[in-house]
PDB file of N, CA and C in Angstrom:
ATOM      1  N   UNK A   1     -41.931  68.743  25.785  1.00  0.00           N
ATOM      2  CA  UNK A   1     -42.456  68.630  27.216  1.00  0.00           C
ATOM      3  C   UNK A   1     -44.209  67.676  26.905  1.00  0.00           C
ATOM      4  N   UNK A   2     -44.265  66.575  27.301  1.00  0.00           N
ATOM      5  CA  UNK A   2     -46.039  65.674  27.391  1.00  0.00           C
ATOM      6  C   UNK A   2     -46.279  65.651  28.501  1.00  0.00           C
ATOM      7  N   UNK A   3     -47.880  65.874  28.281  1.00  0.00           N
ATOM      8  CA  UNK A   3     -49.010  65.933  29.371  1.00  0.00           C
ATOM      9  C   UNK A   3     -49.370  64.739  29.323  1.00  0.00           C
ATOM     10  N   UNK A   4     -49.475  64.225  30.345  1.00  0.00           N
ATOM     11  CA  UNK A   4     -50.789  62.695  30.286  1.00  0.00           C
ATOM     12  C   UNK A   4     -51.701  62.938  31.596  1.00  0.00           C
ATOM     13  N   UNK A   5     -52.502  62.714  31.216  1.00  0.00           N
ATOM     14  CA  UNK A   5     -53.813  61.957  32.601  1.00  0.00           C
ATOM     15  C   UNK A   5     -53.775  60.907  32.948  1.00  0.00           C
ATOM     16  N   UNK A   6     -53.508  60.656  34.416  1.00  0.00           N
ATOM     17  CA  UNK A   6     -54.174  59.906  34.583  1.00  0.00           C
ATOM     18  C   UNK A   6     -55.093  59.644  35.339  1.00  0.00           C
ATOM     19  N   UNK A   7     -55.919  58.766  35.912  1.00  0.00           N
ATOM     20  CA  UNK A   7     -57.320  58.839  36.712  1.00  0.00           C
ATOM     21  C   UNK A   7     -57.153  58.028  37.921  1.00  0.00           C
ATOM     22  N   UNK A   8     -57.418  59.015  38.891  1.00  0.00           N
ATOM     23  CA  UNK A   8     -56.852  58.161  40.374  1.00  0.00           C
ATOM     24  C   UNK A   8     -58.493  57.541  41.025  1.00  0.00           C
ATOM     25  N   UNK A   9     -58.678  56.388  42.104  1.00  0.00           N
ATOM     26  CA  UNK A   9     -59.642  56.102  43.058  1.00  0.00           C
ATOM     27  C   UNK A   9     -59.891  57.221  43.386  1.00  0.00           C
ATOM     28  N   UNK A  10     -58.801  58.189  44.593  1.00  0.00           N
ATOM     29  CA  UNK A  10     -58.994  58.708  45.130  1.00  0.00           C
ATOM     30  C   UNK A  10     -58.408  59.673  45.569  1.00  0.00           C
ATOM     31  N   UNK A  11     -58.384  61.123  46.621  1.00  0.00           N
ATOM     32  CA  UNK A  11     -57.840  61.796  46.584  1.00  0.00           C
ATOM     33  C   UNK A  11     -56.666  62.122  47.990  1.00  0.00           C
ATOM     34  N   UNK A  12     -55.771  63.154  48.233  1.00  0.00           N
ATOM     35  CA  UNK A  12     -55.069  62.611  49.093  1.00  0.00           C
ATOM     36  C   UNK A  12     -53.575  62.093  48.660  1.00  0.00           C
ATOM     37  N   UNK A  13     -53.284  61.703  47.857  1.00  0.00           N
ATOM     38  CA  UNK A  13     -52.599  60.515  47.306  1.00  0.00           C
ATOM     39  C   UNK A  13     -51.168  61.550  46.748  1.00  0.00           C
ATOM     40  N   UNK A  14     -51.522  62.636  46.013  1.00  0.00           N
ATOM     41  CA  UNK A  14     -50.925  63.342  45.249  1.00  0.00           C
ATOM     42  C   UNK A  14     -50.769  64.579  45.941  1.00  0.00           C
ATOM     43  N   UNK A  15     -49.481  65.235  45.756  1.00  0.00           N
ATOM     44  CA  UNK A  15     -50.053  66.710  45.118  1.00  0.00           C
ATOM     45  C   UNK A  15     -48.829  67.204  43.786  1.00  0.00           C
ATOM     46  N   UNK A  16     -49.255  69.074  43.817  1.00  0.00           N
ATOM     47  CA  UNK A  16     -48.239  69.361  42.503  1.00  0.00           C
ATOM     48  C   UNK A  16     -47.035  69.347  42.941  1.00  0.00           C
ATOM     49  N   UNK A  17     -46.152  69.221  42.282  1.00  0.00           N
ATOM     50  CA  UNK A  17     -44.733  69.206  42.273  1.00  0.00           C
ATOM     51  C   UNK A  17     -44.334  68.033  42.705  1.00  0.00           C
ATOM     52  N   UNK A  18     -44.759  66.650  42.818  1.00  0.00           N
ATOM     53  CA  UNK A  18     -44.232  65.160  42.994  1.00  0.00           C
ATOM     54  C   UNK A  18     -43.591  64.592  41.500  1.00  0.00           C
ATOM     55  N   UNK A  19     -42.193  64.229  41.981  1.00  0.00           N
ATOM     56  CA  UNK A  19     -41.321  63.375  40.904  1.00  0.00           C
ATOM     57  C   UNK A  19     -42.124  61.991  41.289  1.00  0.00           C
ATOM     58  N   UNK A  20     -43.210  61.240  40.153  1.00  0.00           N
ATOM     59  CA  UNK A  20     -43.006  59.945  40.527  1.00  0.00           C
ATOM     60  C   UNK A  20     -42.558  59.417  39.244  1.00  0.00           C
ATOM     61  N   UNK A  21     -42.178  57.872  39.203  1.00  0.00           N
ATOM     62  CA  UNK A  21     -42.017  57.018  38.815  1.00  0.00           C
ATOM     63  C   UNK A  21     -43.237  56.223  38.182  1.00  0.00           C
ATOM     64  N   UNK A  22     -42.866  55.824  36.613  1.00  0.00           N
ATOM     65  CA  UNK A  22     -44.194  55.058  35.844  1.00  0.00           C
ATOM     66  C   UNK A  22     -43.917  53.564  35.122  1.00  0.00           C
ATOM     67  N   UNK A  23     -44.966  53.554  35.628  1.00  0.00           N
ATOM     68  CA  UNK A  23     -44.429  51.361  35.340  1.00  0.00           C
ATOM     69  C   UNK A  23     -45.565  51.593  34.011  1.00  0.00           C
ATOM     70  N   UNK A  24     -44.569  50.857  32.453  1.00  0.00           N
ATOM     71  CA  UNK A  24     -45.229  50.522  31.267  1.00  0.00           C
ATOM     72  C   UNK A  24     -45.968  49.084  31.665  1.00  0.00           C
ATOM     73  N   UNK A  25     -47.367  48.863  31.176  1.00  0.00           N
ATOM     74  CA  UNK A  25     -47.632  47.142  30.672  1.00  0.00           C
ATOM     75  C   UNK A  25     -48.345  47.089  30.554  1.00  0.00           C
ATOM     76  N   UNK A  26     -48.179  46.336  28.597  1.00  0.00           N
ATOM     77  CA  UNK A  26     -48.614  45.436  28.017  1.00  0.00           C
ATOM     78  C   UNK A  26     -50.110  45.001  27.683  1.00  0.00           C
ATOM     79  N   UNK A  27     -50.989  45.127  26.501  1.00  0.00           N
ATOM     80  CA  UNK A  27     -52.001  44.931  27.045  1.00  0.00           C
ATOM     81  C   UNK A  27     -51.560  44.417  25.324  1.00  0.00           C
ATOM     82  N   UNK A  28     -52.299  43.610  24.722  1.00  0.00           N
ATOM     83  CA  UNK A  28     -52.093  43.122  23.202  1.00  0.00           C
ATOM     84  C   UNK A  28     -51.814  43.944  21.695  1.00  0.00           C
ATOM     85  N   UNK A  29     -52.515  44.865  21.463  1.00  0.00           N
ATOM     86  CA  UNK A  29     -52.295  45.897  21.237  1.00  0.00           C
ATOM     87  C   UNK A  29     -52.364  46.804  21.603  1.00  0.00           C
ATOM     88  N   UNK A  30     -51.811  47.577  23.098  1.00  0.00           N
ATOM     89  CA  UNK A  30     -51.648  48.750  23.597  1.00  0.00           C
ATOM     90  C   UNK A  30     -50.366  48.722  24.606  1.00  0.00           C
ATOM     91  N   UNK A  31     -50.590  49.837  25.217  1.00  0.00           N
ATOM     92  CA  UNK A  31     -49.782  50.200  26.578  1.00  0.00           C
ATOM     93  C   UNK A  31     -50.475  50.919  26.973  1.00  0.00           C
ATOM     94  N   UNK A  32     -50.271  50.850  29.085  1.00  0.00           N
ATOM     95  CA  UNK A  32     -50.805  51.469  29.466  1.00  0.00           C
ATOM     96  C   UNK A  32     -49.699  51.937  30.531  1.00  0.00           C
ATOM     97  N   UNK A  33     -50.115  52.757  31.941  1.00  0.00           N
ATOM     98  CA  UNK A  33     -48.923  53.178  32.734  1.00  0.00           C
ATOM     99  C   UNK A  33     -49.344  53.470  33.748  1.00  0.00           C
ATOM    100  N   UNK A  34     -49.097  53.335  34.934  1.00  0.00           N
ATOM    101  CA  UNK A  34     -49.391  53.145  36.399  1.00  0.00           C
ATOM    102  C   UNK A  34     -48.527  54.101  36.931  1.00  0.00           C
ATOM    103  N   UNK A  35     -48.570  54.932  37.329  1.00  0.00           N
ATOM    104  CA  UNK A  35     -48.126  56.304  38.536  1.00  0.00           C
ATOM    105  C   UNK A  35     -47.499  56.090  39.941  1.00  0.00           C
ATOM    106  N   UNK A  36     -46.177  55.890  40.018  1.00  0.00           N
ATOM    107  CA  UNK A  36     -46.187  55.663  41.086  1.00  0.00           C
ATOM    108  C   UNK A  36     -46.369  54.318  41.948  1.00  0.00           C
ATOM    109  N   UNK A  37     -46.482  54.200  43.643  1.00  0.00           N
ATOM    110  CA  UNK A  37     -47.427  53.355  43.741  1.00  0.00           C
ATOM    111  C   UNK A  37     -48.593  52.792  43.807  1.00  0.00           C
ATOM    112  N   UNK A  38     -49.422  52.550  42.770  1.00  0.00           N
ATOM    113  CA  UNK A  38     -50.414  52.724  41.983  1.00  0.00           C
ATOM    114  C   UNK A  38     -51.415  53.920  42.786  1.00  0.00           C
ATOM    115  N   UNK A  39     -50.429  54.733  42.335  1.00  0.00           N
ATOM    116  CA  UNK A  39     -51.375  55.787  42.926  1.00  0.00           C
ATOM    117  C   UNK A  39     -52.741  56.221  42.024  1.00  0.00           C
ATOM    118  N   UNK A  40     -52.747  56.234  40.310  1.00  0.00           N
ATOM    119  CA  UNK A  40     -53.421  56.479  39.588  1.00  0.00           C
ATOM    120  C   UNK A  40     -52.876  55.274  37.983  1.00  0.00           C
ATOM    121  N   UNK A  41     -53.840  55.368  37.064  1.00  0.00           N
ATOM    122  CA  UNK A  41     -53.718  54.870  36.241  1.00  0.00           C
ATOM    123  C   UNK A  41     -54.340  55.342  34.627  1.00  0.00           C
ATOM    124  N   UNK A  42     -53.153  55.076  33.969  1.00  0.00           N
ATOM    125  CA  UNK A  42     -53.475  56.118  32.578  1.00  0.00           C
ATOM    126  C   UNK A  42     -55.059  54.677  31.524  1.00  0.00           C
ATOM    127  N   UNK A  43     -54.868  56.014  30.538  1.00  0.00           N
ATOM    128  CA  UNK A  43     -55.477  55.476  29.324  1.00  0.00           C
ATOM    129  C   UNK A  43     -54.330  53.971  29.070  1.00  0.00           C
ATOM    130  N   UNK A  44     -55.075  53.169  27.608  1.00  0.00           N
ATOM    131  CA  UNK A  44     -54.233  52.902  27.148  1.00  0.00           C
ATOM    132  C   UNK A  44     -53.847  53.931  25.389  1.00  0.00           C
ATOM    133  N   UNK A  45     -52.209  53.335  25.217  1.00  0.00           N
ATOM    134  CA  UNK A  45     -51.565  54.417  24.224  1.00  0.00           C
ATOM    135  C   UNK A  45     -51.342  52.940  23.383  1.00  0.00           C
ATOM    136  N   UNK A  46     -51.707  53.816  21.934  1.00  0.00           N
ATOM    137  CA  UNK A  46     -50.761  53.105  20.455  1.00  0.00           C
ATOM    138  C   UNK A  46     -49.500  52.481  21.038  1.00  0.00           C
ATOM    139  N   UNK A  47     -49.223  52.193  20.527  1.00  0.00           N
ATOM    140  CA  UNK A  47     -47.528  52.025  19.518  1.00  0.00           C
ATOM    141  C   UNK A  47     -47.028  53.015  19.766  1.00  0.00           C
ATOM    142  N   UNK A  48     -46.997  53.667  18.862  1.00  0.00           N
ATOM    143  CA  UNK A  48     -46.340  54.973  18.718  1.00  0.00           C
ATOM    144  C   UNK A  48     -46.525  56.162  19.338  1.00  0.00           C
ATOM    145  N   UNK A  49     -48.329  55.822  19.824  1.00  0.00           N
ATOM    146  CA  UNK A  49     -47.889  56.756  21.472  1.00  0.00           C
ATOM    147  C   UNK A  49     -47.449  56.672  23.165  1.00  0.00           C
ATOM    148  N   UNK A  50     -46.600  54.746  23.065  1.00  0.00           N
ATOM    149  CA  UNK A  50     -45.595  54.849  23.570  1.00  0.00           C
ATOM    150  C   UNK A  50     -44.723  55.968  24.910  1.00  0.00           C
ATOM    151  N   UNK A  51     -45.533  55.345  25.470  1.00  0.00           N
ATOM    152  CA  UNK A  51     -44.477  56.927  26.557  1.00  0.00           C
ATOM    153  C   UNK A  51     -42.476  55.994  26.390  1.00  0.00           C
ATOM    154  N   UNK A  52     -42.005  57.706  26.233  1.00  0.00           N
ATOM    155  CA  UNK A  52     -40.031  57.149  26.756  1.00  0.00           C
ATOM    156  C   UNK A  52     -39.676  57.339  28.484  1.00  0.00           C
ATOM    157  N   UNK A  53     -39.809  58.228  28.218  1.00  0.00           N
ATOM    158  CA  UNK A  53     -39.853  58.813  30.222  1.00  0.00           C
ATOM    159  C   UNK A  53     -40.244  57.895  30.992  1.00  0.00           C
ATOM    160  N   UNK A  54     -39.833  57.073  32.522  1.00  0.00           N
ATOM    161  CA  UNK A  54     -39.990  56.672  32.916  1.00  0.00           C
ATOM    162  C   UNK A  54     -40.072  57.375  34.521  1.00  0.00           C
ATOM    163  N   UNK A  55     -40.220  58.535  34.716  1.00  0.00           N
ATOM    164  CA  UNK A  55     -40.439  59.562  36.101  1.00  0.00           C
ATOM    165  C   UNK A  55     -41.597  60.618  34.921  1.00  0.00           C
ATOM    166  N   UNK A  56     -42.233  61.635  35.962  1.00  0.00           N
ATOM    167  CA  UNK A  56     -43.040  61.882  35.074  1.00  0.00           C
ATOM    168  C   UNK A  56     -42.809  63.495  36.847  1.00  0.00           C
ATOM    169  N   UNK A  57     -43.959  64.461  36.210  1.00  0.00           N
ATOM    170  CA  UNK A  57     -43.752  65.648  37.342  1.00  0.00           C
ATOM    171  C   UNK A  57     -44.984  65.856  37.496  1.00  0.00           C
ATOM    172  N   UNK A  58     -45.794  66.179  38.857  1.00  0.00           N
ATOM    173  CA  UNK A  58     -46.991  66.159  38.716  1.00  0.00           C
ATOM    174  C   UNK A  58     -47.635  67.761  38.511  1.00  0.00           C
ATOM    175  N   UNK A  59     -48.372  68.571  37.482  1.00  0.00           N
ATOM    176  CA  UNK A  59     -48.385  69.184  37.382  1.00  0.00           C
ATOM    177  C   UNK A  59     -50.056  70.006  38.019  1.00  0.00           C
ATOM    178  N   UNK A  60     -50.847  68.941  37.873  1.00  0.00           N
ATOM    179  CA  UNK A  60     -52.214  68.972  38.240  1.00  0.00           C
ATOM    180  C   UNK A  60     -53.407  68.205  38.695  1.00  0.00           C
ATOM    181  N   UNK A  61     -53.724  68.660  40.014  1.00  0.00           N
ATOM    182  CA  UNK A  61     -54.741  67.093  40.537  1.00  0.00           C
ATOM    183  C   UNK A  61     -56.387  67.819  40.802  1.00  0.00           C
ATOM    184  N   UNK A  62     -57.054  67.472  39.671  1.00  0.00           N
ATOM    185  CA  UNK A  62     -58.149  67.807  40.218  1.00  0.00           C
ATOM    186  C   UNK A  62     -59.557  66.572  40.518  1.00  0.00           C
ATOM    187  N   UNK A  63     -60.682  67.024  41.461  1.00  0.00           N
ATOM    188  CA  UNK A  63     -61.664  66.364  40.884  1.00  0.00           C
ATOM    189  C   UNK A  63     -62.959  66.619  40.291  1.00  0.00           C
ATOM    190  N   UNK A  64     -62.612  66.253  39.341  1.00  0.00           N
ATOM    191  CA  UNK A  64     -64.635  66.499  38.153  1.00  0.00           C
ATOM    192  C   UNK A  64     -65.889  64.622  38.681  1.00  0.00           C
ATOM    193  N   UNK A  65     -67.287  65.159  38.254  1.00  0.00           N
ATOM    194  CA  UNK A  65     -68.130  64.171  37.352  1.00  0.00           C
ATOM    195  C   UNK A  65     -67.271  62.661  37.724  1.00  0.00           C
ATOM    196  N   UNK A  66     -66.970  62.980  37.038  1.00  0.00           N
ATOM    197  CA  UNK A  66     -66.400  61.324  36.443  1.00  0.00           C
ATOM    198  C   UNK A  66     -64.958  61.251  37.273  1.00  0.00           C
ATOM    199  N   UNK A  67     -64.309  61.888  38.652  1.00  0.00           N
ATOM    200  CA  UNK A  67     -63.647  60.818  39.305  1.00  0.00           C
ATOM    201  C   UNK A  67     -61.699  61.811  39.773  1.00  0.00           C
ATOM    202  N   UNK A  68     -61.583  62.117  39.956  1.00  0.00           N
ATOM    203  CA  UNK A  68     -60.282  62.048  40.202  1.00  0.00           C
ATOM    204  C   UNK A  68     -59.141  62.364  39.211  1.00  0.00           C
ATOM    205  N   UNK A  69     -58.239  63.121  38.550  1.00  0.00           N
ATOM    206  CA  UNK A  69     -58.108  63.062  38.289  1.00  0.00           C
ATOM    207  C   UNK A  69     -56.288  64.119  37.373  1.00  0.00           C
ATOM    208  N   UNK A  70     -55.778  63.693  37.583  1.00  0.00           N
ATOM    209  CA  UNK A  70     -53.999  64.074  37.973  1.00  0.00           C
ATOM    210  C   UNK A  70     -53.409  63.604  36.608  1.00  0.00           C
ATOM    211  N   UNK A  71     -52.687  65.193  36.107  1.00  0.00           N
ATOM    212  CA  UNK A  71     -51.937  66.118  35.169  1.00  0.00           C
ATOM    213  C   UNK A  71     -50.499  65.452  35.490  1.00  0.00           C
ATOM    214  N   UNK A  72     -49.618  65.153  34.468  1.00  0.00           N
ATOM    215  CA  UNK A  72     -48.919  64.278  34.974  1.00  0.00           C
ATOM    216  C   UNK A  72     -47.051  64.843  33.528  1.00  0.00           C
ATOM    217  N   UNK A  73     -46.780  65.866  34.151  1.00  0.00           N
ATOM    218  CA  UNK A  73     -45.728  65.839  32.440  1.00  0.00           C
ATOM    219  C   UNK A  73     -44.246  65.686  32.556  1.00  0.00           C
ATOM    220  N   UNK A  74     -43.894  64.722  31.211  1.00  0.00           N
ATOM    221  CA  UNK A  74     -42.648  64.150  31.266  1.00  0.00           C
ATOM    222  C   UNK A  74     -41.700  64.642  30.316  1.00  0.00           C
ATOM    223  N   UNK A  75     -40.264  64.955  30.442  1.00  0.00           N
ATOM    224  CA  UNK A  75     -39.684  64.945  29.480  1.00  0.00           C
ATOM    225  C   UNK A  75     -39.196  64.400  28.085  1.00  0.00           C
ATOM    226  N   UNK A  76     -39.271  64.453  27.434  1.00  0.00           N
ATOM    227  CA  UNK A  76     -40.173  62.764  26.418  1.00  0.00           C
ATOM    228  C   UNK A  76     -38.874  63.675  25.275  1.00  0.00           C
ATOM    229  N   UNK A  77     -37.216  63.517  25.403  1.00  0.00           N
ATOM    230  CA  UNK A  77     -36.508  64.131  24.381  1.00  0.00           C
ATOM    231  C   UNK A  77     -36.400  63.038  23.109  1.00  0.00           C
ATOM    232  N   UNK A  78     -36.011  62.920  22.544  1.00  0.00           N
ATOM    233  CA  UNK A  78     -35.661  62.359  21.249  1.00  0.00           C
ATOM    234  C   UNK A  78     -33.664  61.755  21.383  1.00  0.00           C
ATOM    235  N   UNK A  79     -33.843  60.276  20.845  1.00  0.00           N
ATOM    236  CA  UNK A  79     -32.676  59.667  21.368  1.00  0.00           C
ATOM    237  C   UNK A  79     -32.259  59.812  20.157  1.00  0.00           C
TER     238      UNK A  79
END
Protein backbone atom coordinates (compact mmCIF):
# COMPACT_ATOMS: atom_id res chain seq x y z
CA UNK A 1 0.00 0.00 0.00
CA UNK A 2 1.12 3.51 -0.77
CA UNK A 3 -0.20 6.66 0.90
CA UNK A 4 -0.17 10.11 -0.67
CA UNK A 5 -1.32 13.46 0.59
CA UNK A 6 -3.46 15.82 -1.50
CA UNK A 7 -4.30 19.47 -0.77
CA UNK A 8 -7.93 20.66 -0.87
CA UNK A 9 -9.12 24.25 -1.01
CA UNK A 10 -12.31 23.61 0.98
CA UNK A 11 -13.75 20.92 3.20
CA UNK A 12 -16.90 18.82 2.85
CA UNK A 13 -16.08 17.44 -0.58
CA UNK A 14 -14.79 14.03 0.55
CA UNK A 15 -15.35 11.52 3.34
CA UNK A 16 -13.16 8.81 4.81
CA UNK A 17 -13.83 5.59 2.90
CA UNK A 18 -14.56 7.24 -0.47
CA UNK A 19 -12.93 5.47 -3.43
CA UNK A 20 -11.97 8.02 -6.08
CA UNK A 21 -10.25 8.04 -9.46
CA UNK A 22 -6.92 9.81 -9.86
CA UNK A 23 -5.78 11.62 -13.03
CA UNK A 24 -2.09 11.98 -13.85
CA UNK A 25 -0.64 15.10 -15.48
CA UNK A 26 2.88 15.54 -16.84
CA UNK A 27 5.11 18.54 -16.27
CA UNK A 28 8.48 18.92 -18.03
CA UNK A 29 10.38 17.08 -15.27
CA UNK A 30 7.71 15.62 -12.99
CA UNK A 31 4.13 14.44 -12.56
CA UNK A 32 1.23 15.56 -10.40
CA UNK A 33 -2.14 14.00 -9.61
CA UNK A 34 -5.69 15.32 -9.31
CA UNK A 35 -8.14 13.47 -7.10
CA UNK A 36 -11.68 12.82 -8.34
CA UNK A 37 -13.44 15.76 -9.98
CA UNK A 38 -10.65 18.17 -9.06
CA UNK A 39 -11.36 17.80 -5.33
CA UNK A 40 -7.67 17.93 -4.41
CA UNK A 41 -4.20 18.07 -5.98
CA UNK A 42 -0.94 16.36 -5.08
CA UNK A 43 2.59 17.66 -4.88
CA UNK A 44 4.95 17.03 -7.81
CA UNK A 45 6.57 13.58 -8.11
CA UNK A 46 9.59 12.44 -10.09
CA UNK A 47 9.46 9.77 -12.79
CA UNK A 48 10.65 7.15 -10.29
CA UNK A 49 7.85 8.12 -7.86
CA UNK A 50 5.02 7.85 -10.43
CA UNK A 51 1.76 6.39 -9.23
CA UNK A 52 0.77 3.04 -10.77
CA UNK A 53 -2.82 2.92 -9.48
CA UNK A 54 -5.62 4.97 -11.00
CA UNK A 55 -7.94 4.95 -7.99
CA UNK A 56 -7.50 5.19 -4.25
CA UNK A 57 -9.37 5.13 -0.96
CA UNK A 58 -9.59 8.19 1.32
CA UNK A 59 -8.16 7.30 4.75
CA UNK A 60 -8.00 10.74 6.40
CA UNK A 61 -9.32 14.29 5.93
CA UNK A 62 -7.84 16.98 8.15
CA UNK A 63 -7.59 20.73 8.58
CA UNK A 64 -4.22 22.27 9.43
CA UNK A 65 -2.99 25.87 9.62
CA UNK A 66 -1.77 25.37 6.01
CA UNK A 67 -5.20 24.26 4.73
CA UNK A 68 -7.19 21.07 4.18
CA UNK A 69 -5.41 17.82 3.41
CA UNK A 70 -6.62 14.40 2.29
CA UNK A 71 -4.64 11.18 2.73
CA UNK A 72 -5.35 8.56 0.08
CA UNK A 73 -4.22 4.93 0.11
CA UNK A 74 -3.35 3.19 -3.17
CA UNK A 75 -2.89 -0.50 -3.86
CA UNK A 76 0.54 -0.49 -5.49
CA UNK A 77 1.29 -4.00 -6.70
CA UNK A 78 4.28 -4.73 -8.88
CA UNK A 79 3.63 -5.80 -12.47
